[in-house]
Amino acid sequence: MNIIGRTASRIRELREQKKLTQEELAWKAEVNRTSMNHIENGRRNVSLETLERVVTALDVSFSEFFDSSLFQTAKKKKR
């Protein structure tokens, strides 16, 4: 899964944990509802400014947002 897909999955995961609809999150983040749907489904690349508004609307820090197994990279084994 690419970074757009991982970001989309993390937004959906946190939104569902907070028991928010896409429409509610879009409203809180000041993002068009259709745009939020496209972002959350990985069909649209989210700008850093929009990501900041979404993360803030989810009431988490960037550290918390990216502290997920979705963003963990496998460590390369030394030979």
PDB file of N, CA and C in Angstrom:
ATOM      1  N   MET A   1       0.853  -1.177   0.000  1.00  0.00           N
ATOM      2  CA  MET A   1       0.000   0.000   0.000  1.00  0.00           C
ATOM      3  C   MET A   1       0.898   1.240   0.000  1.00  0.00           C
ATOM      4  N   ASN A   2       0.582   2.204  -0.838  1.00  0.00           N
ATOM      5  CA  ASN A   2       1.393   3.415  -0.909  1.00  0.00           C
ATOM      6  C   ASN A   2       1.020   4.391   0.218  1.00  0.00           C
ATOM      7  N   ILE A   3       1.736   5.489   0.310  1.00  0.00           N
ATOM      8  CA  ILE A   3       1.537   6.458   1.394  1.00  0.00           C
ATOM      9  C   ILE A   3       0.141   7.070   1.353  1.00  0.00           C
ATOM     10  N   ILE A   4      -0.410   7.263   0.166  1.00  0.00           N
ATOM     11  CA  ILE A   4      -1.767   7.817   0.061  1.00  0.00           C
ATOM     12  C   ILE A   4      -2.777   6.840   0.661  1.00  0.00           C
ATOM     13  N   GLY A   5      -2.627   5.573   0.343  1.00  0.00           N
ATOM     14  CA  GLY A   5      -3.520   4.546   0.877  1.00  0.00           C
ATOM     15  C   GLY A   5      -3.382   4.376   2.383  1.00  0.00           C
ATOM     16  N   ARG A   6      -2.140   4.427   2.874  1.00  0.00           N
ATOM     17  CA  ARG A   6      -1.923   4.290   4.316  1.00  0.00           C
ATOM     18  C   ARG A   6      -2.508   5.488   5.070  1.00  0.00           C
ATOM     19  N   THR A   7      -2.335   6.681   4.510  1.00  0.00           N
ATOM     20  CA  THR A   7      -2.890   7.883   5.137  1.00  0.00           C
ATOM     21  C   THR A   7      -4.410   7.805   5.144  1.00  0.00           C
ATOM     22  N   ALA A   8      -4.992   7.386   4.044  1.00  0.00           N
ATOM     23  CA  ALA A   8      -6.446   7.241   3.946  1.00  0.00           C
ATOM     24  C   ALA A   8      -6.968   6.248   4.985  1.00  0.00           C
ATOM     25  N   SER A   9      -6.285   5.120   5.109  1.00  0.00           N
ATOM     26  CA  SER A   9      -6.699   4.097   6.081  1.00  0.00           C
ATOM     27  C   SER A   9      -6.612   4.613   7.505  1.00  0.00           C
ATOM     28  N   ARG A  10      -5.576   5.386   7.792  1.00  0.00           N
ATOM     29  CA  ARG A  10      -5.409   5.929   9.146  1.00  0.00           C
ATOM     30  C   ARG A  10      -6.496   6.954   9.458  1.00  0.00           C
ATOM     31  N   ILE A  11      -6.844   7.787   8.488  1.00  0.00           N
ATOM     32  CA  ILE A  11      -7.931   8.747   8.700  1.00  0.00           C
ATOM     33  C   ILE A  11      -9.225   8.002   8.999  1.00  0.00           C
ATOM     34  N   ARG A  12      -9.543   6.994   8.201  1.00  0.00           N
ATOM     35  CA  ARG A  12     -10.765   6.211   8.413  1.00  0.00           C
ATOM     36  C   ARG A  12     -10.746   5.537   9.789  1.00  0.00           C
ATOM     37  N   GLU A  13      -9.619   4.933  10.131  1.00  0.00           N
ATOM     38  CA  GLU A  13      -9.494   4.248  11.418  1.00  0.00           C
ATOM     39  C   GLU A  13      -9.783   5.202  12.582  1.00  0.00           C
ATOM     40  N   LEU A  14      -9.153   6.360  12.564  1.00  0.00           N
ATOM     41  CA  LEU A  14      -9.348   7.319  13.652  1.00  0.00           C
ATOM     42  C   LEU A  14     -10.761   7.900  13.645  1.00  0.00           C
ATOM     43  N   ARG A  15     -11.292   8.166  12.467  1.00  0.00           N
ATOM     44  CA  ARG A  15     -12.661   8.693  12.382  1.00  0.00           C
ATOM     45  C   ARG A  15     -13.649   7.701  12.984  1.00  0.00           C
ATOM     46  N   GLU A  16     -13.490   6.429  12.667  1.00  0.00           N
ATOM     47  CA  GLU A  16     -14.385   5.417  13.212  1.00  0.00           C
ATOM     48  C   GLU A  16     -14.208   5.260  14.721  1.00  0.00           C
ATOM     49  N   GLN A  17     -12.972   5.349  15.213  1.00  0.00           N
ATOM     50  CA  GLN A  17     -12.736   5.300  16.658  1.00  0.00           C
ATOM     51  C   GLN A  17     -13.446   6.443  17.374  1.00  0.00           C
ATOM     52  N   LYS A  18     -13.470   7.611  16.726  1.00  0.00           N
ATOM     53  CA  LYS A  18     -14.108   8.799  17.313  1.00  0.00           C
ATOM     54  C   LYS A  18     -15.617   8.817  17.071  1.00  0.00           C
ATOM     55  N   LYS A  19     -16.110   7.791  16.354  1.00  0.00           N
ATOM     56  CA  LYS A  19     -17.530   7.659  16.043  1.00  0.00           C
ATOM     57  C   LYS A  19     -18.068   8.883  15.290  1.00  0.00           C
ATOM     58  N   LEU A  20     -17.279   9.320  14.307  1.00  0.00           N
ATOM     59  CA  LEU A  20     -17.678  10.430  13.458  1.00  0.00           C
ATOM     60  C   LEU A  20     -18.047   9.912  12.079  1.00  0.00           C
ATOM     61  N   THR A  21     -19.004  10.558  11.442  1.00  0.00           N
ATOM     62  CA  THR A  21     -19.294  10.254  10.047  1.00  0.00           C
ATOM     63  C   THR A  21     -18.296  11.037   9.191  1.00  0.00           C
ATOM     64  N   GLN A  22     -18.202  10.672   7.927  1.00  0.00           N
ATOM     65  CA  GLN A  22     -17.343  11.440   7.018  1.00  0.00           C
ATOM     66  C   GLN A  22     -17.813  12.886   6.953  1.00  0.00           C
ATOM     67  N   GLU A  23     -19.113  13.080   6.941  1.00  0.00           N
ATOM     68  CA  GLU A  23     -19.665  14.425   6.866  1.00  0.00           C
ATOM     69  C   GLU A  23     -19.295  15.247   8.099  1.00  0.00           C
ATOM     70  N   GLU A  24     -19.379  14.635   9.272  1.00  0.00           N
ATOM     71  CA  GLU A  24     -19.016  15.341  10.508  1.00  0.00           C
ATOM     72  C   GLU A  24     -17.540  15.716  10.512  1.00  0.00           C
ATOM     73  N   LEU A  25     -16.687  14.780  10.097  1.00  0.00           N
ATOM     74  CA  LEU A  25     -15.261  15.069  10.048  1.00  0.00           C
ATOM     75  C   LEU A  25     -14.962  16.160   9.023  1.00  0.00           C
ATOM     76  N   ALA A  26     -15.602  16.084   7.872  1.00  0.00           N
ATOM     77  CA  ALA A  26     -15.408  17.102   6.841  1.00  0.00           C
ATOM     78  C   ALA A  26     -15.784  18.480   7.376  1.00  0.00           C
ATOM     79  N   TRP A  27     -16.894  18.553   8.069  1.00  0.00           N
ATOM     80  CA  TRP A  27     -17.347  19.832   8.633  1.00  0.00           C
ATOM     81  C   TRP A  27     -16.337  20.365   9.646  1.00  0.00           C
ATOM     82  N   LYS A  28     -15.894  19.498  10.560  1.00  0.00           N
ATOM     83  CA  LYS A  28     -14.927  19.915  11.583  1.00  0.00           C
ATOM     84  C   LYS A  28     -13.597  20.339  10.970  1.00  0.00           C
ATOM     85  N   ALA A  29     -13.201  19.694   9.883  1.00  0.00           N
ATOM     86  CA  ALA A  29     -11.913  19.978   9.237  1.00  0.00           C
ATOM     87  C   ALA A  29     -12.026  21.074   8.168  1.00  0.00           C
ATOM     88  N   GLU A  30     -13.245  21.562   7.966  1.00  0.00           N
ATOM     89  CA  GLU A  30     -13.493  22.581   6.943  1.00  0.00           C
ATOM     90  C   GLU A  30     -13.051  22.105   5.559  1.00  0.00           C
ATOM     91  N   VAL A  31     -13.471  20.871   5.253  1.00  0.00           N
ATOM     92  CA  VAL A  31     -13.170  20.241   3.968  1.00  0.00           C
ATOM     93  C   VAL A  31     -14.502  19.847   3.342  1.00  0.00           C
ATOM     94  N   ASN A  32     -14.609  19.993   2.047  1.00  0.00           N
ATOM     95  CA  ASN A  32     -15.803  19.574   1.329  1.00  0.00           C
ATOM     96  C   ASN A  32     -16.056  18.088   1.581  1.00  0.00           C
ATOM     97  N   ARG A  33     -17.328  17.704   1.788  1.00  0.00           N
ATOM     98  CA  ARG A  33     -17.667  16.316   2.104  1.00  0.00           C
ATOM     99  C   ARG A  33     -17.203  15.361   1.006  1.00  0.00           C
ATOM    100  N   THR A  34     -17.366  15.750  -0.255  1.00  0.00           N
ATOM    101  CA  THR A  34     -16.932  14.903  -1.362  1.00  0.00           C
ATOM    102  C   THR A  34     -15.412  14.756  -1.356  1.00  0.00           C
ATOM    103  N   SER A  35     -14.712  15.832  -1.079  1.00  0.00           N
ATOM    104  CA  SER A  35     -13.243  15.769  -0.996  1.00  0.00           C
ATOM    105  C   SER A  35     -12.813  14.840   0.125  1.00  0.00           C
ATOM    106  N   MET A  36     -13.507  14.910   1.271  1.00  0.00           N
ATOM    107  CA  MET A  36     -13.175  14.027   2.401  1.00  0.00           C
ATOM    108  C   MET A  36     -13.365  12.574   1.993  1.00  0.00           C
ATOM    109  N   ASN A  37     -14.425  12.286   1.267  1.00  0.00           N
ATOM    110  CA  ASN A  37     -14.656  10.917   0.807  1.00  0.00           C
ATOM    111  C   ASN A  37     -13.520  10.459  -0.100  1.00  0.00           C
ATOM    112  N   HIS A  38     -13.092  11.314  -1.013  1.00  0.00           N
ATOM    113  CA  HIS A  38     -12.005  10.962  -1.927  1.00  0.00           C
ATOM    114  C   HIS A  38     -10.683  10.794  -1.182  1.00  0.00           C
ATOM    115  N   ILE A  39     -10.435  11.638  -0.191  1.00  0.00           N
ATOM    116  CA  ILE A  39      -9.212  11.521   0.611  1.00  0.00           C
ATOM    117  C   ILE A  39      -9.224  10.200   1.375  1.00  0.00           C
ATOM    118  N   GLU A  40     -10.341   9.927   2.042  1.00  0.00           N
ATOM    119  CA  GLU A  40     -10.425   8.732   2.877  1.00  0.00           C
ATOM    120  C   GLU A  40     -10.402   7.439   2.073  1.00  0.00           C
ATOM    121  N   ASN A  41     -10.777   7.514   0.821  1.00  0.00           N
ATOM    122  CA  ASN A  41     -10.757   6.327  -0.031  1.00  0.00           C
ATOM    123  C   ASN A  41      -9.515   6.251  -0.910  1.00  0.00           C
ATOM    124  N   GLY A  42      -8.549   7.143  -0.654  1.00  0.00           N
ATOM    125  CA  GLY A  42      -7.274   7.096  -1.354  1.00  0.00           C
ATOM    126  C   GLY A  42      -7.343   7.504  -2.812  1.00  0.00           C
ATOM    127  N   ARG A  43      -8.415   8.184  -3.200  1.00  0.00           N
ATOM    128  CA  ARG A  43      -8.558   8.623  -4.591  1.00  0.00           C
ATOM    129  C   ARG A  43      -8.040  10.038  -4.795  1.00  0.00           C
ATOM    130  N   ARG A  44      -7.637  10.675  -3.727  1.00  0.00           N
ATOM    131  CA  ARG A  44      -7.128  12.041  -3.818  1.00  0.00           C
ATOM    132  C   ARG A  44      -5.945  12.198  -2.877  1.00  0.00           C
ATOM    133  N   ASN A  45      -4.901  12.802  -3.386  1.00  0.00           N
ATOM    134  CA  ASN A  45      -3.724  13.078  -2.571  1.00  0.00           C
ATOM    135  C   ASN A  45      -4.046  14.277  -1.677  1.00  0.00           C
ATOM    136  N   VAL A  46      -3.859  14.137  -0.406  1.00  0.00           N
ATOM    137  CA  VAL A  46      -4.192  15.201   0.536  1.00  0.00           C
ATOM    138  C   VAL A  46      -2.983  16.126   0.714  1.00  0.00           C
ATOM    139  N   SER A  47      -3.224  17.435   0.677  1.00  0.00           N
ATOM    140  CA  SER A  47      -2.135  18.385   0.915  1.00  0.00           C
ATOM    141  C   SER A  47      -1.782  18.379   2.394  1.00  0.00           C
ATOM    142  N   LEU A  48      -0.612  18.877   2.711  1.00  0.00           N
ATOM    143  CA  LEU A  48      -0.206  18.951   4.119  1.00  0.00           C
ATOM    144  C   LEU A  48      -1.126  19.871   4.911  1.00  0.00           C
ATOM    145  N   GLU A  49      -1.577  20.960   4.286  1.00  0.00           N
ATOM    146  CA  GLU A  49      -2.481  21.879   4.977  1.00  0.00           C
ATOM    147  C   GLU A  49      -3.813  21.200   5.296  1.00  0.00           C
ATOM    148  N   THR A  50      -4.339  20.451   4.343  1.00  0.00           N
ATOM    149  CA  THR A  50      -5.598  19.743   4.579  1.00  0.00           C
ATOM    150  C   THR A  50      -5.397  18.631   5.591  1.00  0.00           C
ATOM    151  N   LEU A  51      -4.281  17.915   5.503  1.00  0.00           N
ATOM    152  CA  LEU A  51      -3.995  16.867   6.472  1.00  0.00           C
ATOM    153  C   LEU A  51      -3.920  17.451   7.879  1.00  0.00           C
ATOM    154  N   GLU A  52      -3.321  18.611   8.015  1.00  0.00           N
ATOM    155  CA  GLU A  52      -3.245  19.261   9.325  1.00  0.00           C
ATOM    156  C   GLU A  52      -4.648  19.559   9.860  1.00  0.00           C
ATOM    157  N   ARG A  53      -5.543  20.035   9.008  1.00  0.00           N
ATOM    158  CA  ARG A  53      -6.911  20.328   9.451  1.00  0.00           C
ATOM    159  C   ARG A  53      -7.647  19.045   9.840  1.00  0.00           C
ATOM    160  N   VAL A  54      -7.435  17.981   9.084  1.00  0.00           N
ATOM    161  CA  VAL A  54      -8.090  16.700   9.381  1.00  0.00           C
ATOM    162  C   VAL A  54      -7.558  16.132  10.696  1.00  0.00           C
ATOM    163  N   VAL A  55      -6.250  16.139  10.865  1.00  0.00           N
ATOM    164  CA  VAL A  55      -5.642  15.622  12.101  1.00  0.00           C
ATOM    165  C   VAL A  55      -6.133  16.429  13.306  1.00  0.00           C
ATOM    166  N   THR A  56      -6.191  17.735  13.163  1.00  0.00           N
ATOM    167  CA  THR A  56      -6.694  18.589  14.241  1.00  0.00           C
ATOM    168  C   THR A  56      -8.163  18.273  14.537  1.00  0.00           C
ATOM    169  N   ALA A  57      -8.966  18.089  13.486  1.00  0.00           N
ATOM    170  CA  ALA A  57     -10.382  17.761  13.661  1.00  0.00           C
ATOM    171  C   ALA A  57     -10.561  16.404  14.341  1.00  0.00           C
ATOM    172  N   LEU A  58      -9.607  15.506  14.133  1.00  0.00           N
ATOM    173  CA  LEU A  58      -9.659  14.192  14.791  1.00  0.00           C
ATOM    174  C   LEU A  58      -9.159  14.263  16.231  1.00  0.00           C
ATOM    175  N   ASP A  59      -8.667  15.433  16.621  1.00  0.00           N
ATOM    176  CA  ASP A  59      -8.189  15.692  17.976  1.00  0.00           C
ATOM    177  C   ASP A  59      -7.017  14.773  18.356  1.00  0.00           C
ATOM    178  N   VAL A  60      -6.079  14.640  17.405  1.00  0.00           N
ATOM    179  CA  VAL A  60      -4.842  13.903  17.665  1.00  0.00           C
ATOM    180  C   VAL A  60      -3.679  14.756  17.165  1.00  0.00           C
ATOM    181  N   SER A  61      -2.496  14.448  17.643  1.00  0.00           N
ATOM    182  CA  SER A  61      -1.299  15.147  17.168  1.00  0.00           C
ATOM    183  C   SER A  61      -0.775  14.408  15.935  1.00  0.00           C
ATOM    184  N   PHE A  62       0.135  15.059  15.217  1.00  0.00           N
ATOM    185  CA  PHE A  62       0.765  14.379  14.090  1.00  0.00           C
ATOM    186  C   PHE A  62       1.514  13.138  14.573  1.00  0.00           C
ATOM    187  N   SER A  63       2.131  13.236  15.743  1.00  0.00           N
ATOM    188  CA  SER A  63       2.837  12.069  16.295  1.00  0.00           C
ATOM    189  C   SER A  63       1.881  10.905  16.488  1.00  0.00           C
ATOM    190  N   GLU A  64       0.713  11.181  17.069  1.00  0.00           N
ATOM    191  CA  GLU A  64      -0.280  10.131  17.270  1.00  0.00           C
ATOM    192  C   GLU A  64      -0.796   9.602  15.930  1.00  0.00           C
ATOM    193  N   PHE A  65      -1.003  10.509  14.985  1.00  0.00           N
ATOM    194  CA  PHE A  65      -1.514  10.097  13.684  1.00  0.00           C
ATOM    195  C   PHE A  65      -0.565   9.101  13.020  1.00  0.00           C
ATOM    196  N   PHE A  66       0.725   9.423  13.030  1.00  0.00           N
ATOM    197  CA  PHE A  66       1.699   8.572  12.350  1.00  0.00           C
ATOM    198  C   PHE A  66       2.224   7.428  13.217  1.00  0.00           C
ATOM    199  N   ASP A  67       1.824   7.382  14.484  1.00  0.00           N
ATOM    200  CA  ASP A  67       2.222   6.293  15.372  1.00  0.00           C
ATOM    201  C   ASP A  67       1.258   5.123  15.171  1.00  0.00           C
ATOM    202  N   SER A  68       1.402   4.490  14.049  1.00  0.00           N
ATOM    203  CA  SER A  68       0.524   3.387  13.661  1.00  0.00           C
ATOM    204  C   SER A  68       1.348   2.373  12.886  1.00  0.00           C
ATOM    205  N   SER A  69       0.957   1.125  12.972  1.00  0.00           N
ATOM    206  CA  SER A  69       1.667   0.087  12.228  1.00  0.00           C
ATOM    207  C   SER A  69       1.605   0.338  10.722  1.00  0.00           C
ATOM    208  N   LEU A  70       0.630   1.124  10.274  1.00  0.00           N
ATOM    209  CA  LEU A  70       0.534   1.454   8.849  1.00  0.00           C
ATOM    210  C   LEU A  70       1.772   2.188   8.347  1.00  0.00           C
ATOM    211  N   PHE A  71       2.437   2.922   9.245  1.00  0.00           N
ATOM    212  CA  PHE A  71       3.566   3.747   8.846  1.00  0.00           C
ATOM    213  C   PHE A  71       4.909   3.185   9.304  1.00  0.00           C
ATOM    214  N   GLN A  72       4.911   2.013   9.866  1.00  0.00           N
ATOM    215  CA  GLN A  72       6.169   1.395  10.314  1.00  0.00           C
ATOM    216  C   GLN A  72       6.856   0.741   9.126  1.00  0.00           C
ATOM    217  N   THR A  73       8.139   0.979   9.000  1.00  0.00           N
ATOM    218  CA  THR A  73       8.886   0.353   7.918  1.00  0.00           C
ATOM    219  C   THR A  73       9.697  -0.800   8.473  1.00  0.00           C
ATOM    220  N   ALA A  74       9.837  -1.802   7.665  1.00  0.00           N
ATOM    221  CA  ALA A  74      10.631  -2.952   8.087  1.00  0.00           C
ATOM    222  C   ALA A  74      12.103  -2.553   8.111  1.00  0.00           C
ATOM    223  N   LYS A  75      12.759  -2.903   9.187  1.00  0.00           N
ATOM    224  CA  LYS A  75      14.203  -2.612   9.282  1.00  0.00           C
ATOM    225  C   LYS A  75      14.952  -3.577   8.393  1.00  0.00           C
ATOM    226  N   LYS A  76      15.901  -3.022   7.668  1.00  0.00           N
ATOM    227  CA  LYS A  76      16.711  -3.856   6.792  1.00  0.00           C
ATOM    228  C   LYS A  76      17.706  -4.665   7.633  1.00  0.00           C
ATOM    229  N   LYS A  77      17.809  -5.934   7.292  1.00  0.00           N
ATOM    230  CA  LYS A  77      18.725  -6.809   8.015  1.00  0.00           C
ATOM    231  C   LYS A  77      20.149  -6.529   7.564  1.00  0.00           C
ATOM    232  N   LYS A  78      21.043  -6.491   8.529  1.00  0.00           N
ATOM    233  CA  LYS A  78      22.469  -6.308   8.206  1.00  0.00           C
ATOM    234  C   LYS A  78      23.034  -7.641   7.761  1.00  0.00           C
ATOM    235  N   ARG A  79      23.932  -7.566   6.797  1.00  0.00           N
ATOM    236  CA  ARG A  79      24.557  -8.789   6.280  1.00  0.00           C
ATOM    237  C   ARG A  79      25.798  -9.123   7.023  1.00  0.00           C
TER     238      ARG A  79
END
